[in-house]
N, C-alpha and C. Protein backbone atom coordinates (compact mmCIF):
# COMPACT_ATOMS: atom_id res chain seq x y z
N MET A 1 -89.35 -134.47 -45.06
CA MET A 1 -88.20 -133.69 -44.61
C MET A 1 -87.61 -132.93 -45.80
N THR A 2 -87.36 -131.66 -45.61
CA THR A 2 -86.81 -130.82 -46.67
C THR A 2 -85.34 -131.16 -46.90
N LYS A 3 -84.99 -131.35 -48.16
CA LYS A 3 -83.60 -131.61 -48.53
C LYS A 3 -82.90 -130.28 -48.77
N THR A 4 -81.66 -130.18 -48.33
CA THR A 4 -80.87 -128.97 -48.48
C THR A 4 -79.81 -129.17 -49.57
N ILE A 5 -79.72 -128.19 -50.47
CA ILE A 5 -78.79 -128.26 -51.59
C ILE A 5 -77.87 -127.04 -51.53
N LEU A 6 -76.57 -127.30 -51.62
CA LEU A 6 -75.58 -126.24 -51.70
C LEU A 6 -75.29 -125.99 -53.17
N CYS A 7 -75.55 -124.77 -53.63
CA CYS A 7 -75.34 -124.39 -55.03
C CYS A 7 -74.13 -123.45 -55.10
N VAL A 8 -73.07 -123.90 -55.75
CA VAL A 8 -71.82 -123.15 -55.83
C VAL A 8 -71.57 -122.76 -57.28
N ASP A 9 -71.69 -121.47 -57.56
CA ASP A 9 -71.49 -120.97 -58.93
C ASP A 9 -71.17 -119.48 -58.85
N ASP A 10 -70.20 -119.03 -59.63
CA ASP A 10 -69.85 -117.61 -59.61
C ASP A 10 -70.85 -116.76 -60.38
N SER A 11 -71.72 -117.36 -61.14
CA SER A 11 -72.74 -116.63 -61.89
C SER A 11 -74.01 -116.48 -61.05
N ALA A 12 -74.33 -115.24 -60.71
CA ALA A 12 -75.55 -114.99 -59.93
C ALA A 12 -76.79 -115.44 -60.68
N SER A 13 -76.80 -115.26 -61.99
CA SER A 13 -77.97 -115.67 -62.76
C SER A 13 -78.13 -117.19 -62.78
N MET A 14 -77.03 -117.94 -62.81
CA MET A 14 -77.12 -119.39 -62.78
C MET A 14 -77.58 -119.87 -61.40
N ARG A 15 -77.06 -119.26 -60.34
CA ARG A 15 -77.53 -119.62 -58.99
C ARG A 15 -79.02 -119.35 -58.87
N GLN A 16 -79.46 -118.22 -59.41
CA GLN A 16 -80.87 -117.86 -59.36
C GLN A 16 -81.73 -118.86 -60.14
N THR A 17 -81.26 -119.27 -61.31
CA THR A 17 -81.98 -120.25 -62.12
C THR A 17 -82.13 -121.57 -61.36
N ILE A 18 -81.04 -122.03 -60.79
CA ILE A 18 -81.07 -123.28 -60.03
C ILE A 18 -81.99 -123.14 -58.83
N LYS A 19 -81.87 -122.02 -58.12
CA LYS A 19 -82.70 -121.80 -56.94
C LYS A 19 -84.18 -121.75 -57.31
N LEU A 20 -84.53 -121.01 -58.35
CA LEU A 20 -85.93 -120.92 -58.76
C LEU A 20 -86.48 -122.27 -59.19
N THR A 21 -85.67 -123.05 -59.88
CA THR A 21 -86.10 -124.37 -60.35
C THR A 21 -86.36 -125.32 -59.18
N LEU A 22 -85.49 -125.30 -58.19
CA LEU A 22 -85.56 -126.29 -57.12
C LEU A 22 -86.32 -125.83 -55.87
N ALA A 23 -86.24 -124.56 -55.53
CA ALA A 23 -86.90 -124.07 -54.31
C ALA A 23 -88.42 -124.19 -54.41
N VAL A 24 -88.96 -123.96 -55.59
CA VAL A 24 -90.42 -124.06 -55.73
C VAL A 24 -90.89 -125.50 -55.60
N ARG A 25 -89.96 -126.45 -55.71
CA ARG A 25 -90.29 -127.87 -55.51
C ARG A 25 -90.02 -128.32 -54.09
N GLY A 26 -89.71 -127.38 -53.20
CA GLY A 26 -89.56 -127.71 -51.79
C GLY A 26 -88.15 -127.89 -51.29
N TYR A 27 -87.16 -127.72 -52.15
CA TYR A 27 -85.77 -127.86 -51.71
C TYR A 27 -85.28 -126.55 -51.09
N ARG A 28 -84.44 -126.68 -50.08
CA ARG A 28 -83.80 -125.52 -49.45
C ARG A 28 -82.47 -125.31 -50.15
N ILE A 29 -82.23 -124.10 -50.66
CA ILE A 29 -81.02 -123.81 -51.42
C ILE A 29 -80.12 -122.87 -50.64
N ILE A 30 -78.86 -123.25 -50.51
CA ILE A 30 -77.83 -122.39 -49.92
C ILE A 30 -76.90 -122.03 -51.07
N GLU A 31 -76.64 -120.74 -51.25
CA GLU A 31 -75.82 -120.28 -52.36
C GLU A 31 -74.41 -119.92 -51.91
N ALA A 32 -73.45 -120.22 -52.79
CA ALA A 32 -72.05 -119.84 -52.58
C ALA A 32 -71.50 -119.33 -53.90
N VAL A 33 -70.63 -118.31 -53.85
CA VAL A 33 -70.15 -117.64 -55.06
C VAL A 33 -68.90 -118.29 -55.68
N ASP A 34 -68.24 -119.18 -54.96
CA ASP A 34 -67.09 -119.91 -55.49
C ASP A 34 -66.75 -121.04 -54.53
N GLY A 35 -65.71 -121.80 -54.86
CA GLY A 35 -65.36 -122.95 -54.05
C GLY A 35 -64.99 -122.61 -52.61
N LEU A 36 -64.26 -121.52 -52.40
CA LEU A 36 -63.90 -121.14 -51.03
C LEU A 36 -65.14 -120.80 -50.21
N ASP A 37 -66.04 -120.05 -50.81
CA ASP A 37 -67.30 -119.72 -50.14
C ASP A 37 -68.10 -121.00 -49.89
N GLY A 38 -68.10 -121.89 -50.86
CA GLY A 38 -68.81 -123.16 -50.71
C GLY A 38 -68.26 -124.00 -49.57
N LEU A 39 -66.94 -124.05 -49.43
CA LEU A 39 -66.34 -124.81 -48.32
C LEU A 39 -66.76 -124.23 -46.98
N GLY A 40 -66.74 -122.91 -46.88
CA GLY A 40 -67.16 -122.26 -45.63
C GLY A 40 -68.60 -122.60 -45.29
N LYS A 41 -69.46 -122.57 -46.27
CA LYS A 41 -70.87 -122.88 -46.02
C LYS A 41 -71.06 -124.36 -45.73
N ALA A 42 -70.27 -125.22 -46.36
CA ALA A 42 -70.35 -126.65 -46.12
C ALA A 42 -69.92 -127.00 -44.70
N GLU A 43 -68.98 -126.24 -44.16
CA GLU A 43 -68.51 -126.49 -42.79
C GLU A 43 -69.57 -126.13 -41.76
N ASN A 44 -70.46 -125.21 -42.10
CA ASN A 44 -71.45 -124.72 -41.14
C ASN A 44 -72.84 -125.28 -41.33
N THR A 45 -73.06 -126.07 -42.36
CA THR A 45 -74.39 -126.58 -42.66
C THR A 45 -74.28 -127.99 -43.22
N THR A 46 -75.19 -128.84 -42.86
CA THR A 46 -75.25 -130.17 -43.45
C THR A 46 -76.14 -130.10 -44.68
N VAL A 47 -75.64 -130.59 -45.81
CA VAL A 47 -76.43 -130.57 -47.04
C VAL A 47 -76.60 -131.99 -47.57
N ASP A 48 -77.63 -132.15 -48.39
CA ASP A 48 -77.96 -133.46 -48.96
C ASP A 48 -77.42 -133.62 -50.38
N LEU A 49 -77.13 -132.49 -51.04
CA LEU A 49 -76.64 -132.50 -52.42
C LEU A 49 -75.83 -131.23 -52.64
N VAL A 50 -74.77 -131.34 -53.43
CA VAL A 50 -73.96 -130.19 -53.82
C VAL A 50 -74.05 -130.07 -55.34
N ILE A 51 -74.38 -128.87 -55.80
CA ILE A 51 -74.35 -128.55 -57.23
C ILE A 51 -73.28 -127.50 -57.41
N THR A 52 -72.30 -127.77 -58.28
CA THR A 52 -71.19 -126.84 -58.43
C THR A 52 -70.80 -126.62 -59.89
N ASP A 53 -70.36 -125.42 -60.15
CA ASP A 53 -69.78 -125.07 -61.44
C ASP A 53 -68.34 -125.58 -61.45
N LEU A 54 -67.74 -125.60 -62.61
CA LEU A 54 -66.36 -126.03 -62.74
C LEU A 54 -65.41 -124.85 -62.69
N ASN A 55 -65.62 -123.86 -63.55
CA ASN A 55 -64.72 -122.72 -63.66
C ASN A 55 -65.22 -121.55 -62.82
N MET A 56 -64.49 -121.29 -61.73
CA MET A 56 -64.84 -120.19 -60.82
C MET A 56 -63.56 -119.54 -60.33
N PRO A 57 -63.63 -118.25 -59.95
CA PRO A 57 -62.44 -117.59 -59.38
C PRO A 57 -62.15 -118.12 -57.98
N ARG A 58 -60.99 -117.83 -57.50
CA ARG A 58 -60.48 -118.20 -56.17
C ARG A 58 -60.34 -119.71 -55.99
N MET A 59 -61.39 -120.49 -56.20
CA MET A 59 -61.30 -121.94 -56.11
C MET A 59 -62.32 -122.53 -57.07
N GLY A 60 -61.84 -123.26 -58.05
CA GLY A 60 -62.72 -123.88 -59.04
C GLY A 60 -63.39 -125.14 -58.50
N GLY A 61 -64.25 -125.69 -59.31
CA GLY A 61 -65.05 -126.84 -58.90
C GLY A 61 -64.26 -128.09 -58.57
N LEU A 62 -63.22 -128.38 -59.35
CA LEU A 62 -62.42 -129.58 -59.06
C LEU A 62 -61.72 -129.47 -57.72
N GLU A 63 -61.10 -128.32 -57.47
CA GLU A 63 -60.43 -128.12 -56.18
C GLU A 63 -61.45 -128.14 -55.04
N PHE A 64 -62.60 -127.57 -55.30
CA PHE A 64 -63.67 -127.54 -54.29
C PHE A 64 -64.10 -128.95 -53.90
N ILE A 65 -64.37 -129.81 -54.89
CA ILE A 65 -64.83 -131.14 -54.50
C ILE A 65 -63.69 -131.99 -53.93
N ASP A 66 -62.45 -131.74 -54.36
CA ASP A 66 -61.32 -132.42 -53.72
C ASP A 66 -61.31 -132.10 -52.23
N ALA A 67 -61.46 -130.82 -51.89
CA ALA A 67 -61.45 -130.40 -50.49
C ALA A 67 -62.70 -130.89 -49.75
N LEU A 68 -63.83 -130.84 -50.41
CA LEU A 68 -65.09 -131.27 -49.79
C LEU A 68 -65.05 -132.75 -49.44
N ARG A 69 -64.52 -133.56 -50.32
CA ARG A 69 -64.45 -135.01 -50.09
C ARG A 69 -63.48 -135.36 -48.96
N GLN A 70 -62.63 -134.43 -48.55
CA GLN A 70 -61.74 -134.66 -47.41
C GLN A 70 -62.49 -134.53 -46.08
N MET A 71 -63.65 -133.89 -46.12
CA MET A 71 -64.47 -133.71 -44.92
C MET A 71 -65.32 -134.97 -44.73
N SER A 72 -65.21 -135.60 -43.57
CA SER A 72 -65.88 -136.89 -43.35
C SER A 72 -67.38 -136.84 -43.59
N GLU A 73 -68.03 -135.74 -43.26
CA GLU A 73 -69.49 -135.65 -43.42
C GLU A 73 -69.91 -135.50 -44.89
N TYR A 74 -68.95 -135.32 -45.80
CA TYR A 74 -69.26 -135.15 -47.22
C TYR A 74 -68.74 -136.30 -48.09
N LYS A 75 -68.29 -137.36 -47.46
CA LYS A 75 -67.77 -138.49 -48.24
C LYS A 75 -68.84 -139.11 -49.13
N GLY A 76 -70.09 -139.18 -48.66
CA GLY A 76 -71.15 -139.84 -49.43
C GLY A 76 -72.19 -138.91 -50.02
N VAL A 77 -72.01 -137.61 -49.86
CA VAL A 77 -72.99 -136.65 -50.37
C VAL A 77 -72.83 -136.55 -51.90
N PRO A 78 -73.92 -136.68 -52.65
CA PRO A 78 -73.79 -136.55 -54.11
C PRO A 78 -73.39 -135.14 -54.53
N ILE A 79 -72.56 -135.08 -55.58
CA ILE A 79 -72.09 -133.81 -56.13
C ILE A 79 -72.39 -133.80 -57.62
N LEU A 80 -73.09 -132.76 -58.05
CA LEU A 80 -73.45 -132.60 -59.45
C LEU A 80 -72.70 -131.41 -60.03
N PHE A 81 -71.90 -131.65 -61.08
CA PHE A 81 -71.27 -130.56 -61.81
C PHE A 81 -72.27 -130.02 -62.81
N VAL A 82 -72.44 -128.70 -62.83
CA VAL A 82 -73.25 -128.02 -63.83
C VAL A 82 -72.31 -127.01 -64.50
N THR A 83 -71.95 -127.28 -65.76
CA THR A 83 -70.91 -126.49 -66.40
C THR A 83 -71.10 -126.43 -67.91
N THR A 84 -70.45 -125.46 -68.53
CA THR A 84 -70.48 -125.35 -69.98
C THR A 84 -69.49 -126.33 -70.63
N GLU A 85 -68.59 -126.88 -69.86
CA GLU A 85 -67.56 -127.79 -70.37
C GLU A 85 -68.17 -129.16 -70.68
N SER A 86 -67.67 -129.78 -71.75
CA SER A 86 -68.15 -131.12 -72.09
C SER A 86 -67.01 -132.07 -72.41
N ASP A 87 -65.78 -131.65 -72.14
CA ASP A 87 -64.60 -132.45 -72.42
C ASP A 87 -64.59 -133.74 -71.59
N GLU A 88 -64.36 -134.87 -72.25
CA GLU A 88 -64.36 -136.16 -71.57
C GLU A 88 -63.25 -136.28 -70.53
N ALA A 89 -62.10 -135.68 -70.78
CA ALA A 89 -61.01 -135.72 -69.80
C ALA A 89 -61.40 -134.99 -68.52
N LEU A 90 -62.10 -133.86 -68.67
CA LEU A 90 -62.58 -133.13 -67.49
C LEU A 90 -63.63 -133.94 -66.73
N ARG A 91 -64.50 -134.59 -67.47
CA ARG A 91 -65.51 -135.45 -66.82
C ARG A 91 -64.84 -136.56 -66.02
N ALA A 92 -63.82 -137.16 -66.61
CA ALA A 92 -63.10 -138.23 -65.92
C ALA A 92 -62.41 -137.69 -64.67
N ARG A 93 -61.81 -136.52 -64.78
CA ARG A 93 -61.14 -135.91 -63.62
C ARG A 93 -62.15 -135.58 -62.53
N ALA A 94 -63.33 -135.09 -62.94
CA ALA A 94 -64.38 -134.76 -61.97
C ALA A 94 -64.86 -136.02 -61.26
N LYS A 95 -65.05 -137.08 -62.00
CA LYS A 95 -65.48 -138.35 -61.39
C LYS A 95 -64.43 -138.86 -60.42
N GLU A 96 -63.17 -138.76 -60.83
CA GLU A 96 -62.06 -139.18 -59.97
C GLU A 96 -62.04 -138.36 -58.68
N ALA A 97 -62.36 -137.08 -58.78
CA ALA A 97 -62.37 -136.21 -57.60
C ALA A 97 -63.56 -136.49 -56.68
N GLY A 98 -64.59 -137.11 -57.23
CA GLY A 98 -65.74 -137.45 -56.39
C GLY A 98 -67.07 -136.94 -56.89
N ALA A 99 -67.13 -136.42 -58.13
CA ALA A 99 -68.41 -135.96 -58.68
C ALA A 99 -69.30 -137.17 -58.95
N THR A 100 -70.58 -137.00 -58.69
CA THR A 100 -71.56 -138.06 -58.90
C THR A 100 -72.23 -137.94 -60.26
N GLY A 101 -72.38 -136.69 -60.75
CA GLY A 101 -73.05 -136.46 -62.01
C GLY A 101 -72.52 -135.22 -62.71
N TRP A 102 -72.94 -135.04 -63.96
CA TRP A 102 -72.46 -133.95 -64.81
C TRP A 102 -73.62 -133.47 -65.65
N LEU A 103 -73.91 -132.18 -65.63
CA LEU A 103 -74.97 -131.59 -66.43
C LEU A 103 -74.38 -130.41 -67.18
N THR A 104 -74.55 -130.41 -68.51
CA THR A 104 -73.97 -129.35 -69.33
C THR A 104 -74.95 -128.19 -69.49
N LYS A 105 -74.42 -126.97 -69.28
CA LYS A 105 -75.19 -125.74 -69.49
C LYS A 105 -75.24 -125.45 -70.98
N PRO A 106 -76.29 -124.88 -71.50
CA PRO A 106 -77.56 -124.64 -70.81
C PRO A 106 -78.34 -125.94 -70.69
N PHE A 107 -79.24 -125.97 -69.74
CA PHE A 107 -80.04 -127.15 -69.49
C PHE A 107 -81.49 -126.73 -69.30
N ALA A 108 -82.39 -127.64 -69.54
CA ALA A 108 -83.81 -127.39 -69.29
C ALA A 108 -84.07 -127.57 -67.80
N PRO A 109 -84.87 -126.73 -67.18
CA PRO A 109 -85.17 -126.87 -65.76
C PRO A 109 -85.68 -128.27 -65.40
N GLU A 110 -86.46 -128.89 -66.28
CA GLU A 110 -86.99 -130.22 -66.00
C GLU A 110 -85.87 -131.25 -65.88
N VAL A 111 -84.81 -131.05 -66.66
CA VAL A 111 -83.67 -131.97 -66.61
C VAL A 111 -82.96 -131.83 -65.27
N LEU A 112 -82.74 -130.60 -64.82
CA LEU A 112 -82.12 -130.37 -63.51
C LEU A 112 -82.96 -131.00 -62.41
N LEU A 113 -84.25 -130.82 -62.47
CA LEU A 113 -85.14 -131.40 -61.46
C LEU A 113 -85.06 -132.93 -61.47
N LYS A 114 -85.09 -133.52 -62.65
CA LYS A 114 -85.02 -134.98 -62.77
C LYS A 114 -83.71 -135.52 -62.20
N VAL A 115 -82.59 -134.89 -62.55
CA VAL A 115 -81.28 -135.33 -62.05
C VAL A 115 -81.20 -135.15 -60.54
N THR A 116 -81.71 -134.03 -60.04
CA THR A 116 -81.71 -133.77 -58.60
C THR A 116 -82.50 -134.85 -57.87
N ARG A 117 -83.67 -135.16 -58.35
CA ARG A 117 -84.49 -136.21 -57.71
C ARG A 117 -83.76 -137.54 -57.70
N ARG A 118 -83.13 -137.86 -58.83
CA ARG A 118 -82.41 -139.14 -58.93
C ARG A 118 -81.25 -139.19 -57.93
N LEU A 119 -80.48 -138.10 -57.84
CA LEU A 119 -79.34 -138.08 -56.94
C LEU A 119 -79.75 -138.12 -55.46
N LEU A 120 -80.92 -137.60 -55.16
CA LEU A 120 -81.38 -137.56 -53.77
C LEU A 120 -82.22 -138.78 -53.37
N ALA A 121 -82.48 -139.66 -54.34
CA ALA A 121 -83.33 -140.84 -54.07
C ALA A 121 -82.61 -141.83 -53.16
């Protein structure tokens, strides 16, 4: 069964990198340009994993996962932050909000694939 991943990032090149890395391995990728767009897509599609950036216009990653975790169908869905930020306080806040993992940009495609497999296992 194909796993569906919602990729939320305001950077088109980062969404493309994530999509190219994961789609060729059989994952279905749904793209969103920010947290508000991501919430809209999450309401209309069931996903197995959410990958989100932290700093985005309109709605950032922390607000996005706060809102996402309020939706009953997303209480147990893993959420991976992919961001340039490495501050421990932000990591703690993300975990408190419901993030399952944290990957710092830039990253090697193999690392993203490994983390994705682990989160979907």
